PDB file of N, CA and C in Angstrom:
ATOM      1  N   MET A   1     -17.133 -25.721  -1.395  1.00  0.00           N
ATOM      2  CA  MET A   1     -17.293 -25.704  -3.066  1.00  0.00           C
ATOM      3  C   MET A   1     -18.157 -23.979  -2.882  1.00  0.00           C
ATOM      4  N   HIS A   2     -17.566 -23.151  -3.607  1.00  0.00           N
ATOM      5  CA  HIS A   2     -18.259 -21.741  -3.761  1.00  0.00           C
ATOM      6  C   HIS A   2     -18.859 -21.710  -5.067  1.00  0.00           C
ATOM      7  N   ASP A   3     -19.992 -21.095  -5.039  1.00  0.00           N
ATOM      8  CA  ASP A   3     -20.927 -20.779  -6.466  1.00  0.00           C
ATOM      9  C   ASP A   3     -20.066 -19.549  -6.985  1.00  0.00           C
ATOM     10  N   GLY A   4     -20.425 -18.981  -7.922  1.00  0.00           N
ATOM     11  CA  GLY A   4     -20.076 -17.851  -8.946  1.00  0.00           C
ATOM     12  C   GLY A   4     -20.888 -16.755  -7.985  1.00  0.00           C
ATOM     13  N   ALA A   5     -21.428 -16.389  -7.618  1.00  0.00           N
ATOM     14  CA  ALA A   5     -22.112 -15.716  -6.991  1.00  0.00           C
ATOM     15  C   ALA A   5     -21.601 -15.557  -5.514  1.00  0.00           C
ATOM     16  N   ALA A   6     -21.054 -16.158  -4.847  1.00  0.00           N
ATOM     17  CA  ALA A   6     -20.351 -15.899  -3.447  1.00  0.00           C
ATOM     18  C   ALA A   6     -19.010 -15.529  -4.187  1.00  0.00           C
ATOM     19  N   LEU A   7     -18.159 -15.987  -4.964  1.00  0.00           N
ATOM     20  CA  LEU A   7     -16.774 -15.923  -4.992  1.00  0.00           C
ATOM     21  C   LEU A   7     -17.086 -14.557  -5.926  1.00  0.00           C
ATOM     22  N   HIS A   8     -18.092 -13.955  -6.844  1.00  0.00           N
ATOM     23  CA  HIS A   8     -17.773 -12.616  -7.207  1.00  0.00           C
ATOM     24  C   HIS A   8     -17.869 -11.651  -6.351  1.00  0.00           C
ATOM     25  N   PHE A   9     -18.760 -11.986  -5.050  1.00  0.00           N
ATOM     26  CA  PHE A   9     -19.235 -11.068  -4.327  1.00  0.00           C
ATOM     27  C   PHE A   9     -17.476 -10.826  -3.160  1.00  0.00           C
ATOM     28  N   GLU A  10     -16.924 -12.046  -3.089  1.00  0.00           N
ATOM     29  CA  GLU A  10     -15.880 -11.853  -2.346  1.00  0.00           C
ATOM     30  C   GLU A  10     -14.774 -10.780  -3.211  1.00  0.00           C
ATOM     31  N   GLU A  11     -14.553 -11.141  -4.349  1.00  0.00           N
ATOM     32  CA  GLU A  11     -13.495 -10.346  -5.156  1.00  0.00           C
ATOM     33  C   GLU A  11     -13.774  -9.201  -4.948  1.00  0.00           C
ATOM     34  N   SER A  12     -15.364  -8.534  -5.131  1.00  0.00           N
ATOM     35  CA  SER A  12     -15.635  -7.138  -5.181  1.00  0.00           C
ATOM     36  C   SER A  12     -15.784  -6.514  -3.723  1.00  0.00           C
ATOM     37  N   GLU A  13     -15.717  -7.536  -3.084  1.00  0.00           N
ATOM     38  CA  GLU A  13     -15.244  -7.048  -1.463  1.00  0.00           C
ATOM     39  C   GLU A  13     -14.068  -6.488  -1.207  1.00  0.00           C
ATOM     40  N   VAL A  14     -13.373  -7.251  -1.798  1.00  0.00           N
ATOM     41  CA  VAL A  14     -11.853  -7.076  -1.499  1.00  0.00           C
ATOM     42  C   VAL A  14     -11.134  -6.160  -2.381  1.00  0.00           C
ATOM     43  N   PHE A  15     -11.804  -5.757  -3.819  1.00  0.00           N
ATOM     44  CA  PHE A  15     -11.647  -4.587  -4.509  1.00  0.00           C
ATOM     45  C   PHE A  15     -12.104  -3.411  -3.848  1.00  0.00           C
ATOM     46  N   ALA A  16     -13.069  -3.415  -3.258  1.00  0.00           N
ATOM     47  CA  ALA A  16     -13.934  -2.232  -2.637  1.00  0.00           C
ATOM     48  C   ALA A  16     -12.955  -1.487  -1.429  1.00  0.00           C
ATOM     49  N   VAL A  17     -12.159  -2.684  -0.547  1.00  0.00           N
ATOM     50  CA  VAL A  17     -11.692  -2.537   0.621  1.00  0.00           C
ATOM     51  C   VAL A  17     -10.621  -1.654  -0.211  1.00  0.00           C
ATOM     52  N   ALA A  18      -9.446  -2.561  -0.960  1.00  0.00           N
ATOM     53  CA  ALA A  18      -8.097  -1.757  -1.406  1.00  0.00           C
ATOM     54  C   ALA A  18      -8.620  -0.464  -2.013  1.00  0.00           C
ATOM     55  N   PHE A  19      -9.461  -0.202  -2.703  1.00  0.00           N
ATOM     56  CA  PHE A  19      -9.982   1.135  -3.316  1.00  0.00           C
ATOM     57  C   PHE A  19     -10.184   1.949  -1.971  1.00  0.00           C
ATOM     58  N   ALA A  20     -10.724   1.553  -1.426  1.00  0.00           N
ATOM     59  CA  ALA A  20     -11.358   2.930  -0.194  1.00  0.00           C
ATOM     60  C   ALA A  20      -9.745   3.034   0.606  1.00  0.00           C
ATOM     61  N   LEU A  21      -8.910   1.970   0.836  1.00  0.00           N
ATOM     62  CA  LEU A  21      -7.815   2.296   1.548  1.00  0.00           C
ATOM     63  C   LEU A  21      -6.915   3.115   0.817  1.00  0.00           C
ATOM     64  N   LEU A  22      -6.963   2.868  -0.480  1.00  0.00           N
ATOM     65  CA  LEU A  22      -5.445   3.556  -1.094  1.00  0.00           C
ATOM     66  C   LEU A  22      -6.426   5.088  -1.584  1.00  0.00           C
ATOM     67  N   ALA A  23      -7.506   5.238  -1.407  1.00  0.00           N
ATOM     68  CA  ALA A  23      -7.989   6.845  -1.576  1.00  0.00           C
ATOM     69  C   ALA A  23      -7.757   7.266  -0.323  1.00  0.00           C
ATOM     70  N   ALA A  24      -8.363   6.561   0.972  1.00  0.00           N
ATOM     71  CA  ALA A  24      -8.179   7.212   2.314  1.00  0.00           C
ATOM     72  C   ALA A  24      -6.725   7.568   2.519  1.00  0.00           C
ATOM     73  N   GLY A  25      -5.954   6.240   1.927  1.00  0.00           N
ATOM     74  CA  GLY A  25      -4.409   6.716   2.338  1.00  0.00           C
ATOM     75  C   GLY A  25      -3.734   8.154   1.585  1.00  0.00           C
ATOM     76  N   ALA A  26      -4.446   8.188   0.503  1.00  0.00           N
ATOM     77  CA  ALA A  26      -4.173   9.265  -0.246  1.00  0.00           C
ATOM     78  C   ALA A  26      -4.377  10.655   0.448  1.00  0.00           C
ATOM     79  N   VAL A  27      -5.553  10.756   1.268  1.00  0.00           N
ATOM     80  CA  VAL A  27      -5.871  12.064   1.507  1.00  0.00           C
ATOM     81  C   VAL A  27      -5.000  12.260   2.825  1.00  0.00           C
ATOM     82  N   ILE A  28      -5.317  11.281   3.762  1.00  0.00           N
ATOM     83  CA  ILE A  28      -4.514  11.333   4.828  1.00  0.00           C
ATOM     84  C   ILE A  28      -3.003  11.702   4.480  1.00  0.00           C
ATOM     85  N   LEU A  29      -2.131  11.316   3.533  1.00  0.00           N
ATOM     86  CA  LEU A  29      -0.788  11.277   3.332  1.00  0.00           C
ATOM     87  C   LEU A  29      -0.714  12.607   2.679  1.00  0.00           C
ATOM     88  N   THR A  30      -1.647  13.203   2.270  1.00  0.00           N
ATOM     89  CA  THR A  30      -1.687  14.430   1.523  1.00  0.00           C
ATOM     90  C   THR A  30      -1.561  15.579   3.157  1.00  0.00           C
ATOM     91  N   LEU A  31      -2.764  15.119   4.253  1.00  0.00           N
ATOM     92  CA  LEU A  31      -2.683  15.959   4.886  1.00  0.00           C
ATOM     93  C   LEU A  31      -1.442  16.018   5.475  1.00  0.00           C
ATOM     94  N   ASN A  32      -1.139  15.110   6.084  1.00  0.00           N
ATOM     95  CA  ASN A  32       0.197  14.821   6.582  1.00  0.00           C
ATOM     96  C   ASN A  32       1.287  15.550   6.335  1.00  0.00           C
ATOM     97  N   VAL A  33       1.743  15.523   5.009  1.00  0.00           N
ATOM     98  CA  VAL A  33       2.752  16.514   4.562  1.00  0.00           C
ATOM     99  C   VAL A  33       2.206  17.728   4.877  1.00  0.00           C
ATOM    100  N   LEU A  34       1.580  17.942   4.538  1.00  0.00           N
ATOM    101  CA  LEU A  34       0.801  19.658   4.557  1.00  0.00           C
ATOM    102  C   LEU A  34       1.092  20.018   5.905  1.00  0.00           C
ATOM    103  N   LEU A  35       0.494  19.033   6.750  1.00  0.00           N
ATOM    104  CA  LEU A  35       0.443  19.743   8.304  1.00  0.00           C
ATOM    105  C   LEU A  35       1.954  19.866   8.523  1.00  0.00           C
ATOM    106  N   LEU A  36       2.866  18.919   7.882  1.00  0.00           N
ATOM    107  CA  LEU A  36       4.397  18.805   8.511  1.00  0.00           C
ATOM    108  C   LEU A  36       5.338  19.612   7.950  1.00  0.00           C
ATOM    109  N   GLY A  37       4.409  20.771   7.196  1.00  0.00           N
ATOM    110  CA  GLY A  37       5.396  21.882   6.590  1.00  0.00           C
ATOM    111  C   GLY A  37       5.874  21.575   5.223  1.00  0.00           C
ATOM    112  N   GLY A  38       5.236  20.589   4.615  1.00  0.00           N
ATOM    113  CA  GLY A  38       5.933  20.145   3.314  1.00  0.00           C
ATOM    114  C   GLY A  38       5.008  20.842   2.155  1.00  0.00           C
ATOM    115  N   HIS A  39       5.576  20.362   0.981  1.00  0.00           N
ATOM    116  CA  HIS A  39       4.763  20.525  -0.180  1.00  0.00           C
ATOM    117  C   HIS A  39       4.498  19.645  -1.032  1.00  0.00           C
ATOM    118  N   ILE A  40       3.047  19.125  -1.225  1.00  0.00           N
ATOM    119  CA  ILE A  40       2.872  18.237  -1.803  1.00  0.00           C
ATOM    120  C   ILE A  40       1.131  18.552  -2.063  1.00  0.00           C
ATOM    121  N   ILE A  41       0.662  17.881  -3.287  1.00  0.00           N
ATOM    122  CA  ILE A  41      -0.535  18.087  -4.084  1.00  0.00           C
ATOM    123  C   ILE A  41      -0.846  16.488  -4.059  1.00  0.00           C
ATOM    124  N   PHE A  42      -2.848  16.706  -3.826  1.00  0.00           N
ATOM    125  CA  PHE A  42      -3.117  15.236  -3.830  1.00  0.00           C
ATOM    126  C   PHE A  42      -3.249  14.490  -4.625  1.00  0.00           C
ATOM    127  N   PHE A  43      -3.007  14.697  -6.216  1.00  0.00           N
ATOM    128  CA  PHE A  43      -2.880  14.064  -7.147  1.00  0.00           C
ATOM    129  C   PHE A  43      -0.920  13.281  -7.211  1.00  0.00           C
ATOM    130  N   GLN A  44      -0.456  14.341  -6.639  1.00  0.00           N
ATOM    131  CA  GLN A  44       0.903  13.647  -6.483  1.00  0.00           C
ATOM    132  C   GLN A  44       1.279  12.641  -5.306  1.00  0.00           C
ATOM    133  N   SER A  45       0.351  12.824  -4.353  1.00  0.00           N
ATOM    134  CA  SER A  45       0.687  11.475  -3.179  1.00  0.00           C
ATOM    135  C   SER A  45      -0.669  10.302  -3.992  1.00  0.00           C
ATOM    136  N   LEU A  46      -1.394  10.718  -4.780  1.00  0.00           N
ATOM    137  CA  LEU A  46      -2.251   9.486  -5.556  1.00  0.00           C
ATOM    138  C   LEU A  46      -1.146   8.959  -6.399  1.00  0.00           C
ATOM    139  N   SER A  47      -0.444   9.597  -7.132  1.00  0.00           N
ATOM    140  CA  SER A  47       0.478   8.763  -8.093  1.00  0.00           C
ATOM    141  C   SER A  47       1.791   8.322  -7.318  1.00  0.00           C
ATOM    142  N   LEU A  48       2.082   8.672  -5.950  1.00  0.00           N
ATOM    143  CA  LEU A  48       3.199   8.069  -5.474  1.00  0.00           C
ATOM    144  C   LEU A  48       2.742   6.795  -4.955  1.00  0.00           C
ATOM    145  N   LEU A  49       1.639   7.044  -4.398  1.00  0.00           N
ATOM    146  CA  LEU A  49       0.926   5.727  -3.784  1.00  0.00           C
ATOM    147  C   LEU A  49       1.067   4.578  -4.553  1.00  0.00           C
ATOM    148  N   GLY A  50       0.516   4.849  -5.877  1.00  0.00           N
ATOM    149  CA  GLY A  50       0.324   4.030  -6.830  1.00  0.00           C
ATOM    150  C   GLY A  50       1.604   3.672  -7.626  1.00  0.00           C
ATOM    151  N   TYR A  51       2.120   4.406  -7.960  1.00  0.00           N
ATOM    152  CA  TYR A  51       3.740   3.987  -8.185  1.00  0.00           C
ATOM    153  C   TYR A  51       4.410   3.304  -7.476  1.00  0.00           C
ATOM    154  N   CYS A  52       4.640   3.487  -6.277  1.00  0.00           N
ATOM    155  CA  CYS A  52       5.357   2.734  -5.142  1.00  0.00           C
ATOM    156  C   CYS A  52       4.811   1.338  -4.678  1.00  0.00           C
ATOM    157  N   LEU A  53       3.009   1.177  -5.030  1.00  0.00           N
ATOM    158  CA  LEU A  53       2.593  -0.065  -4.475  1.00  0.00           C
ATOM    159  C   LEU A  53       2.790  -1.005  -5.916  1.00  0.00           C
ATOM    160  N   PHE A  54       3.308  -1.108  -6.931  1.00  0.00           N
ATOM    161  CA  PHE A  54       3.611  -1.768  -8.064  1.00  0.00           C
ATOM    162  C   PHE A  54       4.511  -3.227  -7.415  1.00  0.00           C
ATOM    163  N   PRO A  55       5.463  -2.882  -6.230  1.00  0.00           N
ATOM    164  CA  PRO A  55       6.022  -4.210  -6.044  1.00  0.00           C
ATOM    165  C   PRO A  55       5.148  -5.399  -5.273  1.00  0.00           C
ATOM    166  N   LEU A  56       4.276  -4.491  -4.228  1.00  0.00           N
ATOM    167  CA  LEU A  56       3.057  -4.986  -3.624  1.00  0.00           C
ATOM    168  C   LEU A  56       2.210  -5.729  -4.355  1.00  0.00           C
ATOM    169  N   ASP A  57       2.009  -4.999  -5.590  1.00  0.00           N
ATOM    170  CA  ASP A  57       1.113  -5.795  -6.651  1.00  0.00           C
ATOM    171  C   ASP A  57       1.964  -6.987  -7.171  1.00  0.00           C
ATOM    172  N   VAL A  58       3.293  -6.937  -7.546  1.00  0.00           N
ATOM    173  CA  VAL A  58       3.526  -7.985  -8.059  1.00  0.00           C
ATOM    174  C   VAL A  58       3.767  -9.443  -6.853  1.00  0.00           C
ATOM    175  N   GLY A  59       3.760  -8.874  -5.459  1.00  0.00           N
ATOM    176  CA  GLY A  59       3.835 -10.088  -4.753  1.00  0.00           C
ATOM    177  C   GLY A  59       2.480 -10.503  -4.501  1.00  0.00           C
ATOM    178  N   ALA A  60       0.965  -9.822  -4.614  1.00  0.00           N
ATOM    179  CA  ALA A  60       0.095 -10.529  -4.543  1.00  0.00           C
ATOM    180  C   ALA A  60       0.225 -11.381  -5.578  1.00  0.00           C
ATOM    181  N   LEU A  61       0.432 -11.029  -6.986  1.00  0.00           N
ATOM    182  CA  LEU A  61       0.128 -11.875  -8.142  1.00  0.00           C
ATOM    183  C   LEU A  61       0.816 -13.444  -7.669  1.00  0.00           C
ATOM    184  N   ILE A  62       2.200 -13.290  -7.032  1.00  0.00           N
ATOM    185  CA  ILE A  62       2.800 -14.100  -6.723  1.00  0.00           C
ATOM    186  C   ILE A  62       2.018 -14.945  -5.439  1.00  0.00           C
ATOM    187  N   CYS A  63       1.838 -14.213  -4.547  1.00  0.00           N
ATOM    188  CA  CYS A  63       0.894 -15.356  -3.540  1.00  0.00           C
ATOM    189  C   CYS A  63      -0.262 -15.990  -4.191  1.00  0.00           C
ATOM    190  N   MET A  64      -1.052 -15.123  -5.026  1.00  0.00           N
ATOM    191  CA  MET A  64      -2.410 -16.019  -5.526  1.00  0.00           C
ATOM    192  C   MET A  64      -1.746 -17.214  -6.403  1.00  0.00           C
ATOM    193  N   MET A  65      -0.466 -17.457  -6.629  1.00  0.00           N
ATOM    194  CA  MET A  65       0.033 -18.778  -7.395  1.00  0.00           C
ATOM    195  C   MET A  65       0.040 -19.859  -6.812  1.00  0.00           C
ATOM    196  N   GLU A  66       0.539 -19.260  -5.305  1.00  0.00           N
ATOM    197  CA  GLU A  66       0.842 -20.369  -4.178  1.00  0.00           C
ATOM    198  C   GLU A  66       0.152 -20.026  -2.871  1.00  0.00           C
ATOM    199  N   ASN A  67      -0.502 -21.146  -2.268  1.00  0.00           N
ATOM    200  CA  ASN A  67      -1.370 -21.140  -0.813  1.00  0.00           C
ATOM    201  C   ASN A  67      -0.548 -21.067   0.404  1.00  0.00           C
ATOM    202  N   ASN A  68       1.002 -21.173   0.107  1.00  0.00           N
ATOM    203  CA  ASN A  68       1.878 -21.402   1.281  1.00  0.00           C
ATOM    204  C   ASN A  68       2.203 -20.071   2.013  1.00  0.00           C
ATOM    205  N   VAL A  69       1.157 -19.927   3.284  1.00  0.00           N
ATOM    206  CA  VAL A  69       1.627 -18.496   4.232  1.00  0.00           C
ATOM    207  C   VAL A  69       2.724 -18.500   4.581  1.00  0.00           C
ATOM    208  N   ILE A  70       3.817 -19.476   4.657  1.00  0.00           N
ATOM    209  CA  ILE A  70       5.093 -18.978   5.109  1.00  0.00           C
ATOM    210  C   ILE A  70       5.842 -18.152   4.088  1.00  0.00           C
ATOM    211  N   LEU A  71       5.338 -18.852   2.652  1.00  0.00           N
ATOM    212  CA  LEU A  71       5.693 -18.048   1.896  1.00  0.00           C
ATOM    213  C   LEU A  71       5.218 -16.752   1.194  1.00  0.00           C
ATOM    214  N   LYS A  72       4.107 -16.721   1.594  1.00  0.00           N
ATOM    215  CA  LYS A  72       3.187 -15.600   1.355  1.00  0.00           C
ATOM    216  C   LYS A  72       3.589 -14.449   2.319  1.00  0.00           C
ATOM    217  N   MET A  73       4.281 -14.838   3.170  1.00  0.00           N
ATOM    218  CA  MET A  73       4.649 -14.088   4.467  1.00  0.00           C
ATOM    219  C   MET A  73       6.078 -13.565   4.005  1.00  0.00           C
ATOM    220  N   ILE A  74       6.769 -14.083   3.228  1.00  0.00           N
ATOM    221  CA  ILE A  74       8.538 -14.001   3.004  1.00  0.00           C
ATOM    222  C   ILE A  74       8.241 -12.916   1.961  1.00  0.00           C
ATOM    223  N   VAL A  75       7.507 -13.305   0.535  1.00  0.00           N
ATOM    224  CA  VAL A  75       6.936 -12.393  -0.484  1.00  0.00           C
ATOM    225  C   VAL A  75       6.558 -11.003  -0.074  1.00  0.00           C
ATOM    226  N   VAL A  76       5.777 -10.803   0.823  1.00  0.00           N
ATOM    227  CA  VAL A  76       5.242  -9.802   1.287  1.00  0.00           C
ATOM    228  C   VAL A  76       6.241  -8.928   1.905  1.00  0.00           C
ATOM    229  N   CYS A  77       6.797  -9.483   2.689  1.00  0.00           N
ATOM    230  CA  CYS A  77       7.938  -8.718   3.778  1.00  0.00           C
ATOM    231  C   CYS A  77       9.103  -7.735   2.636  1.00  0.00           C
ATOM    232  N   VAL A  78       9.368  -9.132   1.757  1.00  0.00           N
ATOM    233  CA  VAL A  78      10.267  -8.504   0.940  1.00  0.00           C
ATOM    234  C   VAL A  78       9.715  -7.574  -0.184  1.00  0.00           C
ATOM    235  N   THR A  79       8.466  -7.546  -0.712  1.00  0.00           N
ATOM    236  CA  THR A  79       7.952  -6.603  -1.453  1.00  0.00           C
ATOM    237  C   THR A  79       7.573  -5.349  -0.512  1.00  0.00           C
ATOM    238  N   LEU A  80       7.356  -5.487   0.795  1.00  0.00           N
ATOM    239  CA  LEU A  80       6.703  -4.245   1.513  1.00  0.00           C
ATOM    240  C   LEU A  80       8.112  -3.504   1.743  1.00  0.00           C
ATOM    241  N   ALA A  81       9.364  -3.979   1.853  1.00  0.00           N
ATOM    242  CA  ALA A  81      10.329  -3.320   2.012  1.00  0.00           C
ATOM    243  C   ALA A  81      10.653  -2.882   0.275  1.00  0.00           C
ATOM    244  N   TRP A  82      10.612  -3.406  -0.319  1.00  0.00           N
ATOM    245  CA  TRP A  82      10.816  -2.827  -1.578  1.00  0.00           C
ATOM    246  C   TRP A  82       9.946  -1.347  -2.018  1.00  0.00           C
ATOM    247  N   SER A  83       8.682  -1.543  -1.592  1.00  0.00           N
ATOM    248  CA  SER A  83       7.770  -0.151  -1.532  1.00  0.00           C
ATOM    249  C   SER A  83       7.976   0.666  -0.931  1.00  0.00           C
ATOM    250  N   SER A  84       8.287   0.430   0.141  1.00  0.00           N
ATOM    251  CA  SER A  84       8.839   1.576   1.109  1.00  0.00           C
ATOM    252  C   SER A  84      10.116   2.226   0.838  1.00  0.00           C
ATOM    253  N   TRP A  85      10.847   1.318   0.296  1.00  0.00           N
ATOM    254  CA  TRP A  85      12.139   1.820  -0.327  1.00  0.00           C
ATOM    255  C   TRP A  85      11.934   2.931  -1.563  1.00  0.00           C
ATOM    256  N   ALA A  86      10.970   2.742  -2.502  1.00  0.00           N
ATOM    257  CA  ALA A  86      10.814   3.384  -3.689  1.00  0.00           C
ATOM    258  C   ALA A  86      10.017   4.398  -2.844  1.00  0.00           C
ATOM    259  N   ALA A  87       9.205   4.449  -2.120  1.00  0.00           N
ATOM    260  CA  ALA A  87       8.233   5.746  -1.365  1.00  0.00           C
ATOM    261  C   ALA A  87       9.622   7.107  -0.899  1.00  0.00           C
ATOM    262  N   TYR A  88      10.598   6.465  -0.290  1.00  0.00           N
ATOM    263  CA  TYR A  88      11.567   7.141   0.249  1.00  0.00           C
ATOM    264  C   TYR A  88      11.981   8.660  -0.098  1.00  0.00           C
ATOM    265  N   PRO A  89      12.340   8.517  -1.537  1.00  0.00           N
ATOM    266  CA  PRO A  89      13.193   9.387  -2.230  1.00  0.00           C
ATOM    267  C   PRO A  89      11.779  10.565  -2.316  1.00  0.00           C
ATOM    268  N   PHE A  90      10.486   9.796  -2.619  1.00  0.00           N
ATOM    269  CA  PHE A  90       9.617  11.093  -2.915  1.00  0.00           C
ATOM    270  C   PHE A  90       9.077  11.979  -1.391  1.00  0.00           C
ATOM    271  N   MET A  91       9.463  10.856  -0.575  1.00  0.00           N
ATOM    272  CA  MET A  91       8.636  11.583   0.521  1.00  0.00           C
ATOM    273  C   MET A  91       9.801  12.677   1.225  1.00  0.00           C
ATOM    274  N   SER A  92      10.698  12.010   1.075  1.00  0.00           N
ATOM    275  CA  SER A  92      12.099  12.810   1.620  1.00  0.00           C
ATOM    276  C   SER A  92      12.194  14.341   0.418  1.00  0.00           C
ATOM    277  N   SER A  93      11.986  14.389  -0.632  1.00  0.00           N
ATOM    278  CA  SER A  93      11.954  15.612  -0.878  1.00  0.00           C
ATOM    279  C   SER A  93      10.904  16.455  -0.650  1.00  0.00           C
ATOM    280  N   ALA A  94       9.474  15.820  -0.217  1.00  0.00           N
ATOM    281  CA  ALA A  94       8.759  16.636   0.085  1.00  0.00           C
ATOM    282  C   ALA A  94       8.308  17.564   1.836  1.00  0.00           C
ATOM    283  N   VAL A  95       9.530  17.118   2.193  1.00  0.00           N
ATOM    284  CA  VAL A  95       8.987  17.562   3.698  1.00  0.00           C
ATOM    285  C   VAL A  95      10.720  18.048   4.070  1.00  0.00           C
ATOM    286  N   ASN A  96      10.672  18.459   5.425  1.00  0.00           N
ATOM    287  CA  ASN A  96      11.813  19.121   5.792  1.00  0.00           C
ATOM    288  C   ASN A  96      12.808  17.698   6.055  1.00  0.00           C
ATOM    289  N   LEU A  97      14.005  17.909   6.129  1.00  0.00           N
ATOM    290  CA  LEU A  97      14.807  16.419   6.286  1.00  0.00           C
ATOM    291  C   LEU A  97      14.725  16.130   7.987  1.00  0.00           C
ATOM    292  N   SER A  98      14.301  17.037   8.696  1.00  0.00           N
ATOM    293  CA  SER A  98      14.022  16.447  10.481  1.00  0.00           C
ATOM    294  C   SER A  98      12.769  15.819  10.420  1.00  0.00           C
ATOM    295  N   ARG A  99      11.810  16.110   9.471  1.00  0.00           N
ATOM    296  CA  ARG A  99      10.272  15.101   9.821  1.00  0.00           C
ATOM    297  C   ARG A  99      10.042  14.364   8.361  1.00  0.00           C
ATOM    298  N   LYS A 100      11.216  13.573   8.096  1.00  0.00           N
ATOM    299  CA  LYS A 100      10.587  12.433   7.531  1.00  0.00           C
ATOM    300  C   LYS A 100      10.324  11.121   7.717  1.00  0.00           C
ATOM    301  N   ALA A 101      10.870  10.780   8.939  1.00  0.00           N
ATOM    302  CA  ALA A 101      10.184   9.608   9.302  1.00  0.00           C
ATOM    303  C   ALA A 101       8.640  10.144   9.764  1.00  0.00           C
ATOM    304  N   LEU A 102       8.406  11.293  10.153  1.00  0.00           N
ATOM    305  CA  LEU A 102       6.981  11.484  10.284  1.00  0.00           C
ATOM    306  C   LEU A 102       5.859  11.345   9.159  1.00  0.00           C
ATOM    307  N   ALA A 103       6.790  11.883   7.909  1.00  0.00           N
ATOM    308  CA  ALA A 103       5.794  11.749   6.799  1.00  0.00           C
ATOM    309  C   ALA A 103       6.124  10.670   6.304  1.00  0.00           C
ATOM    310  N   LEU A 104       6.953   9.328   6.240  1.00  0.00           N
ATOM    311  CA  LEU A 104       7.030   8.262   5.926  1.00  0.00           C
ATOM    312  C   LEU A 104       5.951   7.501   6.787  1.00  0.00           C
ATOM    313  N   TYR A 105       6.003   7.121   8.154  1.00  0.00           N
ATOM    314  CA  TYR A 105       5.505   6.593   8.973  1.00  0.00           C
ATOM    315  C   TYR A 105       4.061   6.137   8.483  1.00  0.00           C
ATOM    316  N   PRO A 106       2.909   6.992   7.658  1.00  0.00           N
ATOM    317  CA  PRO A 106       1.823   6.716   7.250  1.00  0.00           C
ATOM    318  C   PRO A 106       2.167   6.053   6.198  1.00  0.00           C
ATOM    319  N   VAL A 107       2.902   6.294   5.134  1.00  0.00           N
ATOM    320  CA  VAL A 107       3.178   5.513   3.778  1.00  0.00           C
ATOM    321  C   VAL A 107       3.353   3.861   4.029  1.00  0.00           C
ATOM    322  N   PHE A 108       4.122   3.896   5.080  1.00  0.00           N
ATOM    323  CA  PHE A 108       4.617   2.290   5.477  1.00  0.00           C
ATOM    324  C   PHE A 108       3.414   1.624   6.061  1.00  0.00           C
ATOM    325  N   LEU A 109       2.739   2.313   7.008  1.00  0.00           N
ATOM    326  CA  LEU A 109       1.263   1.775   7.697  1.00  0.00           C
ATOM    327  C   LEU A 109       0.215   1.353   6.625  1.00  0.00           C
ATOM    328  N   MET A 110       0.177   2.008   5.673  1.00  0.00           N
ATOM    329  CA  MET A 110      -0.800   1.849   4.619  1.00  0.00           C
ATOM    330  C   MET A 110      -0.379   0.338   3.737  1.00  0.00           C
ATOM    331  N   TYR A 111       1.468   0.479   3.285  1.00  0.00           N
ATOM    332  CA  TYR A 111       1.443  -0.567   2.830  1.00  0.00           C
ATOM    333  C   TYR A 111       1.419  -1.776   3.614  1.00  0.00           C
ATOM    334  N   VAL A 112       1.627  -1.675   4.975  1.00  0.00           N
ATOM    335  CA  VAL A 112       1.921  -2.945   5.537  1.00  0.00           C
ATOM    336  C   VAL A 112       0.074  -3.470   5.597  1.00  0.00           C
ATOM    337  N   SER A 113      -0.841  -2.534   5.893  1.00  0.00           N
ATOM    338  CA  SER A 113      -2.170  -2.870   5.800  1.00  0.00           C
ATOM    339  C   SER A 113      -2.312  -3.643   3.960  1.00  0.00           C
ATOM    340  N   VAL A 114      -2.171  -3.168   3.078  1.00  0.00           N
ATOM    341  CA  VAL A 114      -2.128  -3.695   2.126  1.00  0.00           C
ATOM    342  C   VAL A 114      -1.213  -5.273   2.149  1.00  0.00           C
ATOM    343  N   GLY A 115      -0.319  -5.149   2.647  1.00  0.00           N
ATOM    344  CA  GLY A 115       0.847  -6.587   2.739  1.00  0.00           C
ATOM    345  C   GLY A 115      -0.660  -7.825   3.708  1.00  0.00           C
ATOM    346  N   PHE A 116      -0.752  -7.098   4.409  1.00  0.00           N
ATOM    347  CA  PHE A 116      -2.040  -7.967   5.224  1.00  0.00           C
ATOM    348  C   PHE A 116      -2.833  -8.460   4.531  1.00  0.00           C
ATOM    349  N   LEU A 117      -3.757  -7.707   3.360  1.00  0.00           N
ATOM    350  CA  LEU A 117      -4.883  -8.081   2.754  1.00  0.00           C
ATOM    351  C   LEU A 117      -4.163  -9.004   2.251  1.00  0.00           C
ATOM    352  N   THR A 118      -2.922  -9.020   1.611  1.00  0.00           N
ATOM    353  CA  THR A 118      -2.484  -9.756   0.689  1.00  0.00           C
ATOM    354  C   THR A 118      -2.434 -11.114   1.024  1.00  0.00           C
ATOM    355  N   ILE A 119      -1.959 -11.356   2.442  1.00  0.00           N
ATOM    356  CA  ILE A 119      -2.020 -12.715   2.957  1.00  0.00           C
ATOM    357  C   ILE A 119      -3.069 -13.240   3.458  1.00  0.00           C
ATOM    358  N   ALA A 120      -3.926 -12.526   3.795  1.00  0.00           N
ATOM    359  CA  ALA A 120      -5.026 -12.750   4.286  1.00  0.00           C
ATOM    360  C   ALA A 120      -6.117 -13.322   3.113  1.00  0.00           C
ATOM    361  N   ILE A 121      -6.358 -13.155   1.748  1.00  0.00           N
ATOM    362  CA  ILE A 121      -6.987 -13.520   0.630  1.00  0.00           C
ATOM    363  C   ILE A 121      -6.418 -14.780   0.304  1.00  0.00           C
ATOM    364  N   ASP A 122      -7.848 -15.617   0.091  1.00  0.00           N
ATOM    365  CA  ASP A 122      -6.990 -16.802  -0.485  1.00  0.00           C
ATOM    366  C   ASP A 122      -7.139 -17.050  -1.906  1.00  0.00           C
TER     367      ASP A 122
END
């Protein structure tokens, strides 16, 4: 049985991890695209990450309603694919055609991290 303070601490810890992950992801994404010779501004990458994170948010809401790990994994895989597909047009326009995969890889890794958070949190 959880008391209110312990539950509140867990929720704030999850929020802090998610917030730090997204902030660090935006910085890394911006630096990655700039080092690949692309053109992007920090606020564009932050907007991209937030916009394309929406499917994973929907998946997290679905996972909150069910406690079945198999269902959570299926939902996260589907929403991870949806989020990655949504990020593709934005990233492909920011870098050279031959470097698209190098630009998309960090975005995919960040979304996988968010997906693991969704599965791991009860």
